[in-house]
Protein backbone atom coordinates (compact mmCIF):
# COMPACT_ATOMS: atom_id res chain seq x y z
CA MET A 1 -5.81 -18.52 26.81
CA ILE A 2 -7.67 -17.17 29.85
CA LEU A 3 -6.53 -13.60 29.26
CA GLU A 4 -7.76 -13.75 25.67
CA ARG A 5 -11.31 -14.02 26.96
CA PHE A 6 -10.96 -10.53 28.47
CA SER A 7 -10.01 -8.98 25.13
CA LEU A 8 -12.40 -6.51 23.51
CA LYS A 9 -10.45 -6.26 20.29
CA GLY A 10 -12.71 -5.64 17.30
CA ARG A 11 -15.65 -4.48 19.42
CA THR A 12 -17.28 -1.08 19.77
CA ALA A 13 -18.55 0.25 23.08
CA VAL A 14 -20.80 3.22 23.78
CA VAL A 15 -20.26 4.90 27.16
CA THR A 16 -22.75 7.56 28.23
CA GLY A 17 -21.50 10.39 30.40
CA ALA A 18 -17.97 9.46 29.40
CA GLY A 19 -16.54 12.96 29.57
CA GLN A 20 -15.49 12.81 33.21
CA GLY A 21 -15.42 10.82 36.42
CA LEU A 22 -16.35 7.16 36.30
CA GLY A 23 -17.53 7.41 32.70
CA ARG A 24 -14.08 8.47 31.56
CA VAL A 25 -12.54 5.54 33.48
CA PHE A 26 -14.94 3.07 31.88
CA ALA A 27 -14.24 4.44 28.40
CA LEU A 28 -10.45 4.31 28.81
CA SER A 29 -10.54 0.87 30.43
CA LEU A 30 -12.60 -0.64 27.61
CA ALA A 31 -10.31 1.02 25.08
CA ASP A 32 -7.26 -0.37 26.86
CA ALA A 33 -8.82 -3.83 26.49
CA GLY A 34 -9.09 -3.29 22.74
CA ALA A 35 -12.49 -1.68 22.10
CA ASP A 36 -13.28 1.32 19.93
CA ILE A 37 -15.31 3.83 21.92
CA VAL A 38 -18.26 6.13 21.36
CA VAL A 39 -18.10 8.96 23.89
CA ALA A 40 -21.78 9.83 24.38
CA GLU A 41 -21.52 13.03 26.38
CA LEU A 42 -23.32 16.35 26.68
CA SER A 43 -20.17 18.46 27.08
CA ALA A 44 -18.24 18.97 23.85
CA GLN A 45 -15.16 20.08 25.78
CA THR A 46 -14.83 17.03 28.02
CA GLY A 47 -16.18 14.64 25.40
CA GLN A 48 -13.66 15.65 22.77
CA ARG A 49 -10.85 15.48 25.32
CA VAL A 50 -11.67 11.90 26.30
CA ALA A 51 -12.01 10.92 22.64
CA GLU A 52 -8.47 12.20 22.08
CA GLU A 53 -7.23 10.16 25.04
CA ILE A 54 -8.77 7.06 23.50
CA ARG A 55 -7.17 7.73 20.12
CA ALA A 56 -3.83 8.06 21.90
CA LEU A 57 -4.30 4.43 22.98
CA GLY A 58 -4.51 3.44 19.31
CA ARG A 59 -8.28 2.94 19.25
CA ARG A 60 -10.95 4.59 17.15
CA ALA A 61 -13.10 7.07 19.02
CA LEU A 62 -16.22 9.02 18.19
CA PHE A 63 -17.53 11.86 20.31
CA HIS A 64 -21.23 12.42 19.86
CA PRO A 65 -23.14 15.04 21.89
CA THR A 66 -25.87 13.08 23.62
CA ASP A 67 -28.67 13.98 26.00
CA VAL A 68 -29.90 10.72 27.54
CA ARG A 69 -33.13 12.46 28.56
CA GLU A 70 -34.11 12.80 24.90
CA PRO A 71 -34.88 9.66 22.84
CA ALA A 72 -34.24 11.60 19.62
CA SER A 73 -30.74 12.50 20.82
CA ILE A 74 -30.07 8.88 21.73
CA GLU A 75 -31.27 7.67 18.34
CA ALA A 76 -29.00 10.15 16.56
CA MET A 77 -26.04 8.92 18.60
CA VAL A 78 -26.81 5.28 17.85
CA GLU A 79 -27.16 5.91 14.12
CA ALA A 80 -23.92 7.91 14.01
CA SER A 81 -22.10 5.20 15.97
CA ILE A 82 -23.13 2.46 13.58
CA LYS A 83 -22.38 4.58 10.53
CA GLU A 84 -18.94 5.58 11.80
CA LEU A 85 -17.79 2.45 13.63
CA GLY A 86 -19.95 -0.31 12.15
CA SER A 87 -21.77 -1.71 15.17
CA ILE A 88 -22.45 -1.37 18.88
CA ASP A 89 -21.32 -4.41 20.82
CA VAL A 90 -21.26 -2.94 24.32
CA LEU A 91 -23.33 -0.24 25.99
CA VAL A 92 -22.33 1.27 29.33
CA ASN A 93 -25.17 3.32 30.82
CA ASN A 94 -23.10 5.55 33.06
CA ALA A 95 -24.70 9.02 32.84
CA GLY A 96 -26.27 10.00 36.14
CA ILE A 97 -27.00 12.84 38.55
CA ALA A 98 -27.72 13.15 42.26
CA ASN A 99 -29.04 15.65 44.75
CA TRP A 100 -29.42 15.77 48.51
CA CYS A 101 -32.68 17.01 49.96
CA ALA A 102 -35.04 15.94 52.72
CA ALA A 103 -37.82 13.89 51.14
CA GLU A 104 -40.58 16.18 52.35
CA GLN A 105 -38.84 19.13 50.69
CA VAL A 106 -37.76 17.70 47.32
CA PRO A 107 -39.10 19.96 44.54
CA GLU A 108 -41.00 18.13 41.83
CA LYS A 109 -38.57 19.32 39.16
CA ASP A 110 -35.60 17.90 41.09
CA TRP A 111 -37.27 14.52 41.58
CA ARG A 112 -38.17 14.32 37.89
CA ALA A 113 -34.68 15.43 36.85
CA VAL A 114 -33.04 12.56 38.75
CA MET A 115 -35.48 9.99 37.38
CA ASP A 116 -35.19 11.37 33.87
CA VAL A 117 -31.42 10.88 33.73
CA ASN A 118 -30.81 7.95 36.06
CA LEU A 119 -33.75 5.73 35.10
CA ASN A 120 -35.38 6.94 31.90
CA GLY A 121 -31.99 7.57 30.30
CA VAL A 122 -30.86 4.03 31.09
CA PHE A 123 -34.05 2.54 29.68
CA PHE A 124 -34.18 4.54 26.45
CA CYS A 125 -30.46 4.07 25.73
CA SER A 126 -30.85 0.33 26.34
CA GLN A 127 -33.95 0.18 24.18
CA GLN A 128 -32.38 1.98 21.21
CA VAL A 129 -29.17 -0.05 21.33
CA ALA A 130 -30.91 -3.37 22.01
CA ARG A 131 -32.99 -3.00 18.84
CA ARG A 132 -29.74 -3.23 16.87
CA MET A 133 -28.31 -5.96 19.10
CA ILE A 134 -31.45 -8.06 18.63
CA GLU A 135 -30.89 -7.97 14.87
CA ARG A 136 -27.35 -9.27 15.36
CA ARG A 137 -28.33 -11.73 18.16
CA THR A 138 -25.49 -10.55 20.39
CA GLY A 139 -24.57 -7.72 22.70
CA CYS A 140 -23.69 -6.62 26.21
CA ILE A 141 -25.25 -3.87 28.32
CA ILE A 142 -23.73 -2.64 31.58
CA ASN A 143 -25.81 -0.36 33.78
CA ILE A 144 -24.06 1.72 36.40
CA ALA A 145 -26.26 1.45 39.45
CA SER A 146 -25.08 2.09 43.02
CA MET A 147 -25.01 0.44 46.41
CA SER A 148 -27.60 3.17 47.10
CA GLY A 149 -30.04 0.96 45.22
CA LEU A 150 -29.53 -1.71 47.88
CA ILE A 151 -29.28 0.31 51.10
CA VAL A 152 -30.23 3.73 52.45
CA ASN A 153 -27.21 6.00 52.75
CA ARG A 154 -26.52 8.05 55.83
CA PRO A 155 -26.31 10.78 56.92
CA GLN A 156 -27.29 12.54 53.66
CA PRO A 157 -30.94 12.45 52.54
CA GLN A 158 -31.18 11.32 48.91
CA SER A 159 -34.46 9.50 48.39
CA ALA A 160 -34.68 10.33 44.68
CA TYR A 161 -31.20 9.01 43.94
CA ASN A 162 -31.71 5.87 46.01
CA ALA A 163 -35.03 5.12 44.35
CA SER A 164 -33.60 5.69 40.86
CA LYS A 165 -30.71 3.31 41.46
CA ALA A 166 -32.96 0.64 42.97
CA ALA A 167 -35.07 0.91 39.83
CA VAL A 168 -31.98 0.53 37.65
CA ILE A 169 -31.06 -2.68 39.47
CA HIS A 170 -34.48 -4.24 38.88
CA LEU A 171 -34.59 -2.92 35.32
CA THR A 172 -31.25 -4.66 34.76
CA ARG A 173 -32.73 -7.98 35.85
CA SER A 174 -35.88 -7.46 33.80
CA LEU A 175 -33.99 -6.66 30.60
CA ALA A 176 -31.57 -9.52 31.19
CA ALA A 177 -34.43 -12.00 31.36
CA GLU A 178 -36.29 -10.50 28.40
CA TRP A 179 -33.34 -10.18 26.03
CA ALA A 180 -31.43 -13.37 26.90
CA PRO A 181 -33.03 -15.28 23.99
CA TYR A 182 -31.39 -12.77 21.63
CA GLY A 183 -27.92 -13.35 23.04
CA ILE A 184 -27.86 -10.03 24.91
CA ARG A 185 -26.40 -9.97 28.41
CA VAL A 186 -27.43 -7.20 30.82
CA ASN A 187 -25.61 -6.62 34.11
CA ALA A 188 -25.03 -3.82 36.59
CA ILE A 189 -22.16 -2.42 38.60
CA ALA A 190 -23.10 -0.99 42.00
CA PRO A 191 -20.24 1.16 43.32
CA GLY A 192 -19.90 2.37 46.87
CA TYR A 193 -18.24 5.64 47.82
CA MET A 194 -15.68 6.48 45.16
CA ALA A 195 -12.90 9.08 45.32
CA THR A 196 -14.06 11.22 42.42
CA PRO A 197 -13.31 14.96 42.23
CA MET A 198 -16.96 15.75 42.97
CA ALA A 199 -16.91 13.65 46.15
CA GLU A 200 -13.52 14.82 47.46
CA PRO A 201 -14.82 17.76 49.55
CA TYR A 202 -17.26 15.47 51.35
CA PHE A 203 -14.57 12.95 52.24
CA LYS A 204 -12.70 15.76 54.01
CA ASP A 205 -15.80 16.63 56.03
CA GLN A 206 -16.15 14.37 59.08
CA ARG A 207 -19.92 14.82 59.03
CA TYR A 208 -19.97 12.83 55.79
CA GLY A 209 -16.65 11.21 54.91
CA GLY A 210 -16.03 10.23 58.52
CA VAL A 211 -19.37 8.43 58.75
CA TRP A 212 -18.98 6.81 55.34
CA MET A 213 -15.54 5.39 56.05
CA ASP A 214 -16.56 4.21 59.52
CA MET A 215 -19.27 2.16 57.82
CA THR A 216 -16.91 0.76 55.16
CA PRO A 217 -14.97 -2.34 56.33
CA LEU A 218 -11.99 -1.55 54.09
CA GLY A 219 -11.90 1.90 55.67
CA ARG A 220 -11.23 3.84 52.49
CA PRO A 221 -13.05 5.13 49.42
CA GLY A 222 -12.77 3.25 46.17
CA GLN A 223 -10.54 4.59 43.43
CA PRO A 224 -12.35 5.08 40.09
CA GLU A 225 -9.69 2.98 38.34
CA GLU A 226 -10.71 0.02 40.48
CA LEU A 227 -14.00 -0.21 38.61
CA GLY A 228 -12.42 -0.37 35.14
CA PRO A 229 -11.44 -4.06 35.28
CA LEU A 230 -14.95 -4.95 36.44
CA ALA A 231 -16.44 -3.23 33.38
CA VAL A 232 -13.96 -5.06 31.12
CA PHE A 233 -14.96 -8.37 32.72
CA LEU A 234 -18.67 -7.77 32.17
CA ALA A 235 -18.13 -6.54 28.60
CA SER A 236 -15.97 -9.48 27.59
CA GLU A 237 -16.36 -13.20 26.96
CA ALA A 238 -14.86 -13.78 30.40
CA SER A 239 -18.40 -13.22 31.74
CA SER A 240 -20.25 -15.09 28.99
CA PHE A 241 -22.52 -16.91 31.49
CA VAL A 242 -23.21 -13.83 33.62
CA THR A 243 -26.44 -11.91 33.08
CA GLY A 244 -28.95 -10.24 35.37
CA SER A 245 -26.23 -9.82 37.98
CA VAL A 246 -25.36 -6.82 40.14
CA MET A 247 -21.64 -6.57 40.86
CA VAL A 248 -21.23 -4.64 44.11
CA ALA A 249 -17.91 -2.84 44.61
CA ASP A 250 -18.31 -0.96 47.89
CA GLY A 251 -15.39 -1.88 50.13
CA GLY A 252 -17.75 -4.05 52.14
CA TYR A 253 -20.24 -1.29 53.02
CA THR A 254 -23.32 -3.45 52.33
CA ALA A 255 -21.88 -6.36 54.32
CA TRP A 256 -22.84 -4.64 57.59
């Protein structure tokens, strides 16, 4: 009986930036729990590949090229998703970018690029999908924030990224409060340092990985697959009374 509440059978989930890294893990995890998946991804190569992986699990999958910086692109993805798969029950706002640069030297275009993807993209995707969820009086939105929205990382300077993720956390709470009367739950996952291919070189560098792990009580990076069950929990009826929450998965980093 308990395990049935974690099932996503019969539901459709949109995952932005699902072509690689954490997005791919979220998409496959939700599919493994029973959901059909919309792979909302800029790259046709990686997006199509993940869609095929989902179909291999016996689920329906739609790849739709999506630029979360462009409301028109988001709207086209939402319309195609509903036409092809019938509804959108879950939205995972995963697409994101980062850069390291001393605050006094950050070029305007780089600051705006981070905010455009990490914050504006989350808002406009949520807005477009929520309009349909409001009509149905049900839905679940999961924003991928970061522990960087709660603390200041060291030793790398990343003020734009930190600010964008802090904004995502408060946006999550704001949307949760505003859309609760429509039966829409909005939560966030805030990962710590994860062992993704992009991060691997930094873990091998003691200037970065050594400092990060010294500040992490568990003493290791998280594995991307460790976040999948958390996304399933938040997307399912197992978390039916959870909204406006930020689930931190950082190996204890923010405990110190």
